[in-house]
Amino acid sequence: MPSSKIPELDDLDRRLVLALSSNSRITGAALATQLGVAESTVSLRLKSLQRRGVIAGYRLDVDLVAAGIPLQALIAVRLVKHSRAQIDAFRAAAPHWPGVLRLFHTAGADDYLLHVAARDAGELRDFVLEYLTGDPAVSHTQTSLIFENATADGWQELLR
């Protein structure tokens, strides 16, 4: 569970995060030049941002269509009951099922939203049957196909 304490970000922290969001492979020297600070300052700030959990990691962005995995869906999931054991078990297992890209624990009629990828409709159907309809903790699912998705950068405005 994330900490309830919100880390304080000063102007340099924000500019550093924004610069990395454009190019996470940029060198420390190039970052220092771009931000007008010493390379040692960049190094110390990056370590601090990582330690405080502001920078959670660096990831590879794979084009799933180019990799032969063209189908994506959002699957709304309702659990039978809301016991801590069921919630914890579902939360622990679901992110590791084949094809799961993201798991969202939601409020409202549905308990979870799974973002999944598959090679074709048959593979998606098999996923639903094997991992969801066969799970005694799951009472209902609703699958919505994703026709298109776009990476958003609106979060950057929140740092400015």
N, C-alpha and C. Protein backbone atom coordinates (compact mmCIF):
# COMPACT_ATOMS: atom_id res chain seq x y z
N MET A 1 0.84 -1.18 0.00
CA MET A 1 0.00 0.00 0.00
C MET A 1 0.89 1.24 0.00
N PRO A 2 0.57 2.23 -0.82
CA PRO A 2 1.36 3.45 -0.84
C PRO A 2 1.23 4.22 0.47
N SER A 3 2.26 4.95 0.78
CA SER A 3 2.25 5.77 1.98
C SER A 3 1.25 6.91 1.82
N SER A 4 0.61 7.30 2.93
CA SER A 4 -0.34 8.41 2.87
C SER A 4 0.38 9.76 2.90
N LYS A 5 1.67 9.75 3.22
CA LYS A 5 2.43 10.98 3.24
C LYS A 5 2.84 11.35 1.81
N ILE A 6 2.49 12.53 1.38
CA ILE A 6 2.81 12.99 0.04
C ILE A 6 4.19 13.63 0.06
N PRO A 7 5.11 13.11 -0.79
CA PRO A 7 6.45 13.69 -0.80
C PRO A 7 6.43 15.13 -1.31
N GLU A 8 7.25 15.95 -0.70
CA GLU A 8 7.36 17.34 -1.13
C GLU A 8 8.30 17.41 -2.33
N LEU A 9 7.86 18.05 -3.39
CA LEU A 9 8.70 18.24 -4.57
C LEU A 9 8.95 19.73 -4.76
N ASP A 10 10.23 20.08 -4.84
CA ASP A 10 10.54 21.47 -5.13
C ASP A 10 10.65 21.65 -6.65
N ASP A 11 10.97 22.84 -7.08
CA ASP A 11 11.01 23.14 -8.51
C ASP A 11 12.01 22.26 -9.25
N LEU A 12 13.18 22.03 -8.67
CA LEU A 12 14.19 21.21 -9.33
C LEU A 12 13.72 19.76 -9.44
N ASP A 13 13.11 19.23 -8.39
CA ASP A 13 12.56 17.87 -8.45
C ASP A 13 11.55 17.75 -9.59
N ARG A 14 10.64 18.72 -9.68
CA ARG A 14 9.62 18.69 -10.74
C ARG A 14 10.26 18.76 -12.12
N ARG A 15 11.21 19.67 -12.29
CA ARG A 15 11.86 19.80 -13.60
C ARG A 15 12.63 18.52 -13.96
N LEU A 16 13.21 17.87 -12.98
CA LEU A 16 13.95 16.63 -13.20
C LEU A 16 12.99 15.50 -13.64
N VAL A 17 11.87 15.37 -12.95
CA VAL A 17 10.88 14.35 -13.31
C VAL A 17 10.31 14.63 -14.70
N LEU A 18 10.00 15.86 -15.00
CA LEU A 18 9.48 16.20 -16.33
C LEU A 18 10.50 15.92 -17.43
N ALA A 19 11.77 16.23 -17.18
CA ALA A 19 12.80 15.96 -18.17
C ALA A 19 12.95 14.45 -18.40
N LEU A 20 12.90 13.67 -17.33
CA LEU A 20 13.00 12.21 -17.47
C LEU A 20 11.78 11.62 -18.15
N SER A 21 10.62 12.27 -18.00
CA SER A 21 9.41 11.75 -18.65
C SER A 21 9.50 11.87 -20.16
N SER A 22 10.30 12.80 -20.64
CA SER A 22 10.50 12.96 -22.08
C SER A 22 11.55 11.98 -22.60
N ASN A 23 12.56 11.68 -21.77
CA ASN A 23 13.63 10.78 -22.18
C ASN A 23 14.25 10.16 -20.93
N SER A 24 13.78 8.98 -20.56
CA SER A 24 14.30 8.35 -19.33
C SER A 24 15.69 7.76 -19.52
N ARG A 25 16.19 7.77 -20.75
CA ARG A 25 17.53 7.24 -21.01
C ARG A 25 18.58 8.35 -21.08
N ILE A 26 18.20 9.58 -20.81
CA ILE A 26 19.13 10.71 -20.85
C ILE A 26 20.22 10.51 -19.79
N THR A 27 21.42 10.93 -20.11
CA THR A 27 22.53 10.78 -19.17
C THR A 27 22.43 11.84 -18.06
N GLY A 28 23.11 11.54 -16.96
CA GLY A 28 23.16 12.50 -15.87
C GLY A 28 23.81 13.81 -16.31
N ALA A 29 24.84 13.71 -17.14
CA ALA A 29 25.52 14.92 -17.62
C ALA A 29 24.59 15.76 -18.48
N ALA A 30 23.83 15.11 -19.36
CA ALA A 30 22.90 15.84 -20.22
C ALA A 30 21.78 16.46 -19.39
N LEU A 31 21.30 15.73 -18.37
CA LEU A 31 20.27 16.29 -17.47
C LEU A 31 20.80 17.52 -16.75
N ALA A 32 22.02 17.42 -16.25
CA ALA A 32 22.61 18.54 -15.52
C ALA A 32 22.71 19.77 -16.42
N THR A 33 23.15 19.58 -17.65
CA THR A 33 23.24 20.68 -18.61
C THR A 33 21.86 21.27 -18.89
N GLN A 34 20.89 20.39 -19.15
CA GLN A 34 19.53 20.84 -19.47
C GLN A 34 18.91 21.62 -18.32
N LEU A 35 19.18 21.19 -17.08
CA LEU A 35 18.56 21.83 -15.92
C LEU A 35 19.43 22.94 -15.32
N GLY A 36 20.66 23.06 -15.78
CA GLY A 36 21.54 24.12 -15.29
C GLY A 36 22.03 23.89 -13.88
N VAL A 37 22.30 22.62 -13.54
CA VAL A 37 22.82 22.28 -12.20
C VAL A 37 24.00 21.33 -12.36
N ALA A 38 24.70 21.10 -11.27
CA ALA A 38 25.84 20.18 -11.30
C ALA A 38 25.37 18.74 -11.46
N GLU A 39 26.20 17.92 -12.09
CA GLU A 39 25.87 16.51 -12.28
C GLU A 39 25.70 15.80 -10.93
N SER A 40 26.49 16.20 -9.94
CA SER A 40 26.36 15.59 -8.60
C SER A 40 24.99 15.92 -7.99
N THR A 41 24.48 17.10 -8.27
CA THR A 41 23.14 17.48 -7.78
C THR A 41 22.08 16.59 -8.42
N VAL A 42 22.21 16.37 -9.73
CA VAL A 42 21.27 15.48 -10.43
C VAL A 42 21.32 14.09 -9.81
N SER A 43 22.50 13.57 -9.58
CA SER A 43 22.65 12.23 -9.01
C SER A 43 22.01 12.14 -7.63
N LEU A 44 22.27 13.12 -6.78
CA LEU A 44 21.69 13.12 -5.44
C LEU A 44 20.17 13.24 -5.49
N ARG A 45 19.67 14.10 -6.35
CA ARG A 45 18.21 14.29 -6.47
C ARG A 45 17.54 13.02 -6.99
N LEU A 46 18.14 12.37 -7.99
CA LEU A 46 17.56 11.13 -8.51
C LEU A 46 17.49 10.06 -7.44
N LYS A 47 18.55 9.92 -6.66
CA LYS A 47 18.55 8.94 -5.57
C LYS A 47 17.47 9.27 -4.55
N SER A 48 17.31 10.54 -4.24
CA SER A 48 16.28 10.96 -3.29
C SER A 48 14.88 10.68 -3.83
N LEU A 49 14.64 11.01 -5.11
CA LEU A 49 13.33 10.77 -5.71
C LEU A 49 13.00 9.28 -5.76
N GLN A 50 14.00 8.45 -6.00
CA GLN A 50 13.80 7.00 -6.01
C GLN A 50 13.54 6.49 -4.59
N ARG A 51 14.31 6.94 -3.64
CA ARG A 51 14.16 6.52 -2.24
C ARG A 51 12.77 6.89 -1.70
N ARG A 52 12.28 8.07 -2.08
CA ARG A 52 10.97 8.55 -1.60
C ARG A 52 9.81 7.96 -2.39
N GLY A 53 10.11 7.21 -3.45
CA GLY A 53 9.07 6.56 -4.22
C GLY A 53 8.44 7.41 -5.30
N VAL A 54 8.96 8.61 -5.51
CA VAL A 54 8.43 9.47 -6.57
C VAL A 54 8.76 8.84 -7.92
N ILE A 55 9.99 8.41 -8.09
CA ILE A 55 10.38 7.64 -9.28
C ILE A 55 10.32 6.19 -8.86
N ALA A 56 9.33 5.48 -9.42
CA ALA A 56 9.09 4.09 -9.03
C ALA A 56 9.91 3.12 -9.87
N GLY A 57 10.44 3.56 -10.99
CA GLY A 57 11.23 2.69 -11.83
C GLY A 57 11.29 3.22 -13.25
N TYR A 58 11.99 2.50 -14.08
CA TYR A 58 12.13 2.84 -15.49
C TYR A 58 11.65 1.63 -16.27
N ARG A 59 10.80 1.85 -17.25
CA ARG A 59 10.17 0.73 -17.95
C ARG A 59 10.37 0.80 -19.45
N LEU A 60 10.28 -0.36 -20.04
CA LEU A 60 10.31 -0.49 -21.48
C LEU A 60 8.89 -0.40 -21.99
N ASP A 61 8.65 0.42 -23.01
CA ASP A 61 7.33 0.56 -23.61
C ASP A 61 7.29 -0.28 -24.87
N VAL A 62 6.58 -1.40 -24.83
CA VAL A 62 6.53 -2.33 -25.95
C VAL A 62 5.28 -2.07 -26.78
N ASP A 63 5.43 -2.00 -28.09
CA ASP A 63 4.29 -1.90 -29.00
C ASP A 63 3.76 -3.31 -29.18
N LEU A 64 2.67 -3.62 -28.49
CA LEU A 64 2.13 -4.98 -28.50
C LEU A 64 1.66 -5.41 -29.88
N VAL A 65 1.11 -4.49 -30.66
CA VAL A 65 0.67 -4.83 -32.02
C VAL A 65 1.88 -5.27 -32.84
N ALA A 66 2.98 -4.53 -32.77
CA ALA A 66 4.19 -4.88 -33.51
C ALA A 66 4.77 -6.21 -33.01
N ALA A 67 4.50 -6.55 -31.75
CA ALA A 67 4.98 -7.81 -31.18
C ALA A 67 4.03 -8.97 -31.46
N GLY A 68 2.96 -8.73 -32.23
CA GLY A 68 2.03 -9.80 -32.58
C GLY A 68 0.94 -10.04 -31.57
N ILE A 69 0.66 -9.04 -30.74
CA ILE A 69 -0.38 -9.15 -29.71
C ILE A 69 -1.33 -7.96 -29.90
N PRO A 70 -2.23 -8.04 -30.90
CA PRO A 70 -3.01 -6.87 -31.30
C PRO A 70 -4.29 -6.59 -30.51
N LEU A 71 -4.75 -7.54 -29.71
CA LEU A 71 -6.04 -7.37 -29.05
C LEU A 71 -5.85 -6.95 -27.60
N GLN A 72 -6.58 -5.90 -27.18
CA GLN A 72 -6.58 -5.49 -25.78
C GLN A 72 -8.01 -5.32 -25.32
N ALA A 73 -8.23 -5.53 -24.04
CA ALA A 73 -9.57 -5.40 -23.47
C ALA A 73 -9.48 -4.91 -22.04
N LEU A 74 -10.59 -4.31 -21.59
CA LEU A 74 -10.78 -3.99 -20.18
C LEU A 74 -11.85 -4.93 -19.67
N ILE A 75 -11.56 -5.62 -18.59
CA ILE A 75 -12.51 -6.57 -18.02
C ILE A 75 -12.88 -6.11 -16.62
N ALA A 76 -14.15 -5.75 -16.46
CA ALA A 76 -14.67 -5.37 -15.14
C ALA A 76 -14.97 -6.66 -14.38
N VAL A 77 -14.56 -6.70 -13.11
CA VAL A 77 -14.71 -7.91 -12.30
C VAL A 77 -15.42 -7.56 -11.00
N ARG A 78 -16.44 -8.34 -10.66
CA ARG A 78 -17.11 -8.23 -9.36
C ARG A 78 -16.82 -9.50 -8.57
N LEU A 79 -16.47 -9.31 -7.33
CA LEU A 79 -16.24 -10.46 -6.45
C LEU A 79 -17.54 -10.88 -5.78
N VAL A 80 -17.59 -12.14 -5.36
CA VAL A 80 -18.78 -12.68 -4.70
C VAL A 80 -19.02 -11.95 -3.39
N LYS A 81 -17.99 -11.82 -2.58
CA LYS A 81 -18.09 -11.08 -1.33
C LYS A 81 -16.81 -10.31 -1.11
N HIS A 82 -16.89 -9.37 -0.22
CA HIS A 82 -15.76 -8.48 -0.02
C HIS A 82 -15.00 -8.82 1.26
N SER A 83 -14.58 -10.05 1.36
CA SER A 83 -13.76 -10.43 2.51
C SER A 83 -12.32 -10.06 2.23
N ARG A 84 -11.59 -9.74 3.25
CA ARG A 84 -10.18 -9.36 3.11
C ARG A 84 -9.41 -10.49 2.43
N ALA A 85 -9.71 -11.72 2.79
CA ALA A 85 -8.99 -12.87 2.21
C ALA A 85 -9.21 -12.95 0.70
N GLN A 86 -10.46 -12.78 0.24
CA GLN A 86 -10.74 -12.84 -1.19
C GLN A 86 -10.06 -11.69 -1.94
N ILE A 87 -10.17 -10.51 -1.39
CA ILE A 87 -9.56 -9.34 -2.02
C ILE A 87 -8.05 -9.51 -2.10
N ASP A 88 -7.44 -9.93 -1.01
CA ASP A 88 -5.99 -10.12 -1.00
C ASP A 88 -5.55 -11.21 -1.97
N ALA A 89 -6.30 -12.30 -2.03
CA ALA A 89 -5.95 -13.40 -2.93
C ALA A 89 -6.07 -12.96 -4.39
N PHE A 90 -7.16 -12.27 -4.72
CA PHE A 90 -7.33 -11.80 -6.10
C PHE A 90 -6.24 -10.81 -6.46
N ARG A 91 -5.97 -9.87 -5.57
CA ARG A 91 -4.95 -8.84 -5.80
C ARG A 91 -3.56 -9.46 -5.97
N ALA A 92 -3.28 -10.52 -5.24
CA ALA A 92 -1.97 -11.16 -5.33
C ALA A 92 -1.82 -11.96 -6.62
N ALA A 93 -2.89 -12.58 -7.09
CA ALA A 93 -2.80 -13.47 -8.25
C ALA A 93 -2.93 -12.75 -9.59
N ALA A 94 -3.92 -11.89 -9.72
CA ALA A 94 -4.30 -11.32 -11.02
C ALA A 94 -3.17 -10.63 -11.78
N PRO A 95 -2.30 -9.85 -11.16
CA PRO A 95 -1.26 -9.18 -11.94
C PRO A 95 -0.28 -10.15 -12.64
N HIS A 96 -0.30 -11.40 -12.23
CA HIS A 96 0.65 -12.38 -12.76
C HIS A 96 0.03 -13.32 -13.79
N TRP A 97 -1.26 -13.18 -14.06
CA TRP A 97 -1.91 -14.00 -15.08
C TRP A 97 -1.41 -13.59 -16.46
N PRO A 98 -1.35 -14.55 -17.38
CA PRO A 98 -0.84 -14.23 -18.72
C PRO A 98 -1.70 -13.18 -19.42
N GLY A 99 -1.05 -12.15 -19.93
CA GLY A 99 -1.74 -11.11 -20.68
C GLY A 99 -2.19 -9.91 -19.86
N VAL A 100 -2.11 -9.98 -18.54
CA VAL A 100 -2.56 -8.84 -17.73
C VAL A 100 -1.51 -7.73 -17.80
N LEU A 101 -1.98 -6.55 -18.21
CA LEU A 101 -1.10 -5.37 -18.31
C LEU A 101 -1.20 -4.49 -17.07
N ARG A 102 -2.41 -4.32 -16.56
CA ARG A 102 -2.65 -3.48 -15.38
C ARG A 102 -3.83 -4.04 -14.60
N LEU A 103 -3.83 -3.79 -13.33
CA LEU A 103 -4.94 -4.15 -12.46
C LEU A 103 -5.33 -2.92 -11.66
N PHE A 104 -6.61 -2.58 -11.70
CA PHE A 104 -7.11 -1.43 -10.95
C PHE A 104 -8.13 -1.92 -9.94
N HIS A 105 -7.98 -1.57 -8.68
CA HIS A 105 -8.98 -1.84 -7.65
C HIS A 105 -9.88 -0.60 -7.63
N THR A 106 -11.17 -0.80 -7.89
CA THR A 106 -12.06 0.33 -8.11
C THR A 106 -13.18 0.39 -7.09
N ALA A 107 -13.79 1.55 -7.01
CA ALA A 107 -15.00 1.74 -6.21
C ALA A 107 -16.18 1.71 -7.18
N GLY A 108 -17.35 1.42 -6.68
CA GLY A 108 -18.53 1.39 -7.53
C GLY A 108 -19.05 -0.03 -7.68
N ALA A 109 -19.77 -0.28 -8.75
CA ALA A 109 -20.39 -1.59 -8.96
C ALA A 109 -19.35 -2.69 -9.14
N ASP A 110 -18.24 -2.38 -9.79
CA ASP A 110 -17.20 -3.38 -10.03
C ASP A 110 -16.07 -3.21 -9.02
N ASP A 111 -15.44 -4.33 -8.70
CA ASP A 111 -14.36 -4.31 -7.71
C ASP A 111 -12.99 -4.10 -8.34
N TYR A 112 -12.82 -4.67 -9.53
CA TYR A 112 -11.53 -4.57 -10.22
C TYR A 112 -11.76 -4.30 -11.69
N LEU A 113 -10.75 -3.73 -12.30
CA LEU A 113 -10.71 -3.55 -13.74
C LEU A 113 -9.36 -4.10 -14.19
N LEU A 114 -9.41 -5.10 -15.06
CA LEU A 114 -8.20 -5.70 -15.61
C LEU A 114 -7.98 -5.16 -17.02
N HIS A 115 -6.78 -4.72 -17.30
CA HIS A 115 -6.39 -4.35 -18.66
C HIS A 115 -5.55 -5.52 -19.17
N VAL A 116 -6.05 -6.21 -20.19
CA VAL A 116 -5.40 -7.41 -20.67
C VAL A 116 -5.10 -7.32 -22.16
N ALA A 117 -4.14 -8.12 -22.60
CA ALA A 117 -3.78 -8.21 -24.02
C ALA A 117 -3.84 -9.68 -24.42
N ALA A 118 -4.16 -9.90 -25.70
CA ALA A 118 -4.22 -11.27 -26.23
C ALA A 118 -3.88 -11.23 -27.72
N ARG A 119 -3.50 -12.40 -28.23
CA ARG A 119 -3.18 -12.51 -29.66
C ARG A 119 -4.42 -12.49 -30.54
N ASP A 120 -5.53 -13.01 -29.99
CA ASP A 120 -6.78 -13.06 -30.77
C ASP A 120 -7.96 -13.26 -29.83
N ALA A 121 -9.16 -13.23 -30.39
CA ALA A 121 -10.39 -13.35 -29.58
C ALA A 121 -10.45 -14.69 -28.85
N GLY A 122 -9.98 -15.75 -29.47
CA GLY A 122 -9.98 -17.05 -28.81
C GLY A 122 -9.11 -17.07 -27.57
N GLU A 123 -7.94 -16.44 -27.65
CA GLU A 123 -7.05 -16.38 -26.49
C GLU A 123 -7.68 -15.53 -25.38
N LEU A 124 -8.37 -14.45 -25.74
CA LEU A 124 -9.06 -13.63 -24.75
C LEU A 124 -10.18 -14.44 -24.08
N ARG A 125 -10.97 -15.16 -24.89
CA ARG A 125 -12.04 -16.00 -24.35
C ARG A 125 -11.45 -17.03 -23.38
N ASP A 126 -10.37 -17.69 -23.77
CA ASP A 126 -9.74 -18.69 -22.91
C ASP A 126 -9.25 -18.08 -21.60
N PHE A 127 -8.73 -16.86 -21.68
CA PHE A 127 -8.30 -16.17 -20.46
C PHE A 127 -9.48 -15.97 -19.51
N VAL A 128 -10.58 -15.44 -20.04
CA VAL A 128 -11.77 -15.20 -19.21
C VAL A 128 -12.26 -16.51 -18.59
N LEU A 129 -12.33 -17.56 -19.39
CA LEU A 129 -12.83 -18.85 -18.88
C LEU A 129 -11.89 -19.44 -17.84
N GLU A 130 -10.60 -19.40 -18.10
CA GLU A 130 -9.66 -20.04 -17.19
C GLU A 130 -9.43 -19.27 -15.89
N TYR A 131 -9.30 -17.97 -16.01
CA TYR A 131 -8.90 -17.20 -14.83
C TYR A 131 -10.04 -16.48 -14.12
N LEU A 132 -11.14 -16.24 -14.80
CA LEU A 132 -12.21 -15.45 -14.18
C LEU A 132 -13.47 -16.25 -13.91
N THR A 133 -14.07 -16.82 -14.93
CA THR A 133 -15.33 -17.55 -14.69
C THR A 133 -15.10 -18.80 -13.86
N GLY A 134 -13.91 -19.33 -13.87
CA GLY A 134 -13.60 -20.51 -13.07
C GLY A 134 -13.19 -20.18 -11.64
N ASP A 135 -13.04 -18.92 -11.33
CA ASP A 135 -12.62 -18.51 -9.99
C ASP A 135 -13.84 -18.37 -9.09
N PRO A 136 -13.93 -19.15 -8.01
CA PRO A 136 -15.11 -19.08 -7.14
C PRO A 136 -15.29 -17.72 -6.45
N ALA A 137 -14.26 -16.90 -6.43
CA ALA A 137 -14.37 -15.57 -5.81
C ALA A 137 -15.02 -14.56 -6.75
N VAL A 138 -15.10 -14.89 -8.05
CA VAL A 138 -15.63 -13.96 -9.05
C VAL A 138 -17.10 -14.24 -9.30
N SER A 139 -17.93 -13.21 -9.17
CA SER A 139 -19.37 -13.39 -9.41
C SER A 139 -19.79 -12.90 -10.79
N HIS A 140 -19.07 -11.93 -11.37
CA HIS A 140 -19.50 -11.34 -12.63
C HIS A 140 -18.31 -10.69 -13.33
N THR A 141 -18.29 -10.80 -14.66
CA THR A 141 -17.31 -10.07 -15.46
C THR A 141 -18.01 -9.42 -16.64
N GLN A 142 -17.41 -8.35 -17.12
CA GLN A 142 -17.89 -7.70 -18.34
C GLN A 142 -16.66 -7.25 -19.12
N THR A 143 -16.55 -7.74 -20.34
CA THR A 143 -15.38 -7.46 -21.16
C THR A 143 -15.70 -6.40 -22.21
N SER A 144 -14.84 -5.39 -22.29
CA SER A 144 -14.94 -4.35 -23.31
C SER A 144 -13.66 -4.35 -24.13
N LEU A 145 -13.81 -4.51 -25.45
CA LEU A 145 -12.64 -4.47 -26.32
C LEU A 145 -12.14 -3.05 -26.46
N ILE A 146 -10.83 -2.91 -26.56
CA ILE A 146 -10.22 -1.60 -26.77
C ILE A 146 -9.87 -1.49 -28.24
N PHE A 147 -10.44 -0.50 -28.91
CA PHE A 147 -10.14 -0.28 -30.32
C PHE A 147 -8.84 0.50 -30.49
N GLU A 148 -8.59 1.42 -29.57
CA GLU A 148 -7.40 2.26 -29.66
C GLU A 148 -7.08 2.78 -28.27
N ASN A 149 -5.81 2.93 -27.98
CA ASN A 149 -5.43 3.61 -26.74
C ASN A 149 -4.29 4.57 -27.05
N ALA A 150 -4.19 5.59 -26.27
CA ALA A 150 -3.15 6.60 -26.45
C ALA A 150 -2.49 6.86 -25.11
N THR A 151 -1.19 6.97 -25.12
CA THR A 151 -0.45 7.31 -23.91
C THR A 151 -0.72 8.78 -23.59
N ALA A 152 -1.05 9.03 -22.36
CA ALA A 152 -1.40 10.38 -21.94
C ALA A 152 -0.25 11.04 -21.18
N ASP A 153 -0.20 12.35 -21.27
CA ASP A 153 0.82 13.08 -20.54
C ASP A 153 0.22 14.20 -19.68
N GLY A 154 -1.07 14.15 -19.47
CA GLY A 154 -1.76 15.17 -18.68
C GLY A 154 -1.26 15.26 -17.25
N TRP A 155 -0.70 14.17 -16.72
CA TRP A 155 -0.17 14.18 -15.36
C TRP A 155 0.95 15.22 -15.22
N GLN A 156 1.65 15.52 -16.33
CA GLN A 156 2.76 16.47 -16.25
C GLN A 156 2.30 17.85 -15.84
N GLU A 157 1.08 18.23 -16.22
CA GLU A 157 0.55 19.54 -15.83
C GLU A 157 0.40 19.64 -14.32
N LEU A 158 0.18 18.52 -13.66
CA LEU A 158 0.04 18.53 -12.20
C LEU A 158 1.35 18.83 -11.49
N LEU A 159 2.45 18.66 -12.18
CA LEU A 159 3.77 18.95 -11.60
C LEU A 159 4.24 20.37 -11.87
N ARG A 160 3.57 21.05 -12.76
CA ARG A 160 4.02 22.40 -13.12
C ARG A 160 3.51 23.41 -12.15
